[in-house]
C-alpha atoms as a PDB file:
ATOM      1  CA  UNK A   1      18.667   8.006  23.576  1.00  0.00           C
ATOM      2  CA  UNK A   2      15.435   6.884  24.732  1.00  0.00           C
ATOM      3  CA  UNK A   3      14.608   3.321  24.328  1.00  0.00           C
ATOM      4  CA  UNK A   4      11.946   2.977  21.543  1.00  0.00           C
ATOM      5  CA  UNK A   5       9.575  -0.104  21.455  1.00  0.00           C
ATOM      6  CA  UNK A   6       9.693  -2.901  18.691  1.00  0.00           C
ATOM      7  CA  UNK A   7       7.089  -1.346  16.727  1.00  0.00           C
ATOM      8  CA  UNK A   8       6.053  -2.189  13.306  1.00  0.00           C
ATOM      9  CA  UNK A   9       2.819  -0.509  11.565  1.00  0.00           C
ATOM     10  CA  UNK A  10       0.924  -2.601   8.744  1.00  0.00           C
ATOM     11  CA  UNK A  11      -1.489  -0.430   6.923  1.00  0.00           C
ATOM     12  CA  UNK A  12      -4.068  -3.335   5.084  1.00  0.00           C
ATOM     13  CA  UNK A  13      -5.981  -1.675   2.210  1.00  0.00           C
ATOM     14  CA  UNK A  14      -8.521  -3.624   0.008  1.00  0.00           C
ATOM     15  CA  UNK A  15      -8.922  -1.959  -3.644  1.00  0.00           C
ATOM     16  CA  UNK A  16     -10.695  -3.081  -7.168  1.00  0.00           C
ATOM     17  CA  UNK A  17     -11.172  -0.658  -9.734  1.00  0.00           C
ATOM     18  CA  UNK A  18      -9.441   2.743  -8.374  1.00  0.00           C
ATOM     19  CA  UNK A  19      -7.587   4.164 -11.259  1.00  0.00           C
ATOM     20  CA  UNK A  20      -9.139   7.212 -10.390  1.00  0.00           C
ATOM     21  CA  UNK A  21      -7.765   7.397  -6.786  1.00  0.00           C
ATOM     22  CA  UNK A  22      -4.658   4.839  -6.060  1.00  0.00           C
ATOM     23  CA  UNK A  23      -2.360   7.324  -6.919  1.00  0.00           C
ATOM     24  CA  UNK A  24      -3.577   9.658  -4.263  1.00  0.00           C
ATOM     25  CA  UNK A  25      -3.415   6.786  -1.770  1.00  0.00           C
ATOM     26  CA  UNK A  26      -0.192   5.770  -2.295  1.00  0.00           C
ATOM     27  CA  UNK A  27       1.352   8.978  -2.831  1.00  0.00           C
ATOM     28  CA  UNK A  28      -0.542   9.750   0.639  1.00  0.00           C
ATOM     29  CA  UNK A  29       1.022   6.995   2.175  1.00  0.00           C
ATOM     30  CA  UNK A  30       4.669   7.584   1.321  1.00  0.00           C
ATOM     31  CA  UNK A  31       4.519  11.036   2.281  1.00  0.00           C
ATOM     32  CA  UNK A  32       3.900   9.981   6.185  1.00  0.00           C
ATOM     33  CA  UNK A  33       5.769  10.966   8.609  1.00  0.00           C
ATOM     34  CA  UNK A  34       5.583   8.054  10.712  1.00  0.00           C
ATOM     35  CA  UNK A  35       9.090   9.305  13.442  1.00  0.00           C
ATOM     36  CA  UNK A  36      11.436   6.341  12.674  1.00  0.00           C
ATOM     37  CA  UNK A  37       8.749   3.580  13.226  1.00  0.00           C
ATOM     38  CA  UNK A  38       9.080   1.179  10.262  1.00  0.00           C
ATOM     39  CA  UNK A  39       5.925   0.867   7.708  1.00  0.00           C
ATOM     40  CA  UNK A  40       4.182  -1.408   5.221  1.00  0.00           C
ATOM     41  CA  UNK A  41       1.034  -0.799   3.082  1.00  0.00           C
ATOM     42  CA  UNK A  42      -0.301  -3.890   2.063  1.00  0.00           C
ATOM     43  CA  UNK A  43      -2.478  -3.624  -0.712  1.00  0.00           C
ATOM     44  CA  UNK A  44      -4.668  -6.286  -1.767  1.00  0.00           C
ATOM     45  CA  UNK A  45      -6.145  -6.057  -5.572  1.00  0.00           C
ATOM     46  CA  UNK A  46      -9.254  -7.496  -6.354  1.00  0.00           C
ATOM     47  CA  UNK A  47      -8.644  -8.135 -10.178  1.00  0.00           C
ATOM     48  CA  UNK A  48      -8.913  -4.920 -10.936  1.00  0.00           C
ATOM     49  CA  UNK A  49      -9.390  -4.424 -14.830  1.00  0.00           C
ATOM     50  CA  UNK A  50      -8.896  -0.393 -15.108  1.00  0.00           C
ATOM     51  CA  UNK A  51      -5.227   0.265 -15.054  1.00  0.00           C
ATOM     52  CA  UNK A  52      -5.068  -0.311 -10.969  1.00  0.00           C
ATOM     53  CA  UNK A  53      -2.777  -3.118 -11.482  1.00  0.00           C
ATOM     54  CA  UNK A  54      -0.537  -1.169 -13.164  1.00  0.00           C
ATOM     55  CA  UNK A  55      -0.082   1.832 -10.824  1.00  0.00           C
ATOM     56  CA  UNK A  56       0.154  -0.562  -7.851  1.00  0.00           C
ATOM     57  CA  UNK A  57       3.042  -2.474  -9.677  1.00  0.00           C
ATOM     58  CA  UNK A  58       4.875   1.135 -10.629  1.00  0.00           C
ATOM     59  CA  UNK A  59       4.515   2.397  -7.022  1.00  0.00           C
ATOM     60  CA  UNK A  60       5.611  -1.086  -5.688  1.00  0.00           C
ATOM     61  CA  UNK A  61       8.727  -1.276  -7.993  1.00  0.00           C
ATOM     62  CA  UNK A  62       9.781   2.035  -6.536  1.00  0.00           C
ATOM     63  CA  UNK A  63       9.261   1.538  -2.477  1.00  0.00           C
ATOM     64  CA  UNK A  64       9.326  -1.564  -0.775  1.00  0.00           C
ATOM     65  CA  UNK A  65       6.574  -0.473   1.710  1.00  0.00           C
ATOM     66  CA  UNK A  66       4.180  -1.514  -0.543  1.00  0.00           C
ATOM     67  CA  UNK A  67       3.555  -4.945  -0.949  1.00  0.00           C
ATOM     68  CA  UNK A  68       0.565  -5.837  -3.325  1.00  0.00           C
ATOM     69  CA  UNK A  69      -0.948  -9.134  -3.104  1.00  0.00           C
ATOM     70  CA  UNK A  70      -3.655 -10.680  -5.451  1.00  0.00           C
ATOM     71  CA  UNK A  71      -7.253 -11.204  -4.214  1.00  0.00           C
ATOM     72  CA  UNK A  72      -8.813 -13.120  -6.595  1.00  0.00           C
ATOM     73  CA  UNK A  73     -11.887 -13.586  -4.750  1.00  0.00           C
ATOM     74  CA  UNK A  74     -12.594  -9.885  -4.437  1.00  0.00           C
ATOM     75  CA  UNK A  75     -13.313 -10.170  -0.773  1.00  0.00           C
ATOM     76  CA  UNK A  76     -12.917  -6.950   1.032  1.00  0.00           C
END
């Protein structure tokens, strides 16, 4: 078996009030085939007030590769 390098991919996403698009993004991330490479997605939510945060919580509760962090300063 070929030795695989110790690689881990981190995907960083900043978002705010993306209720119309966040499910498609998360579904697309979770559908990726990384050929065995471990990955995580860190989503920085800029204090969404349109329901985006609830969707992020729902998805991160189902898949530990999704990590949600608060971005109270709302900087991208």
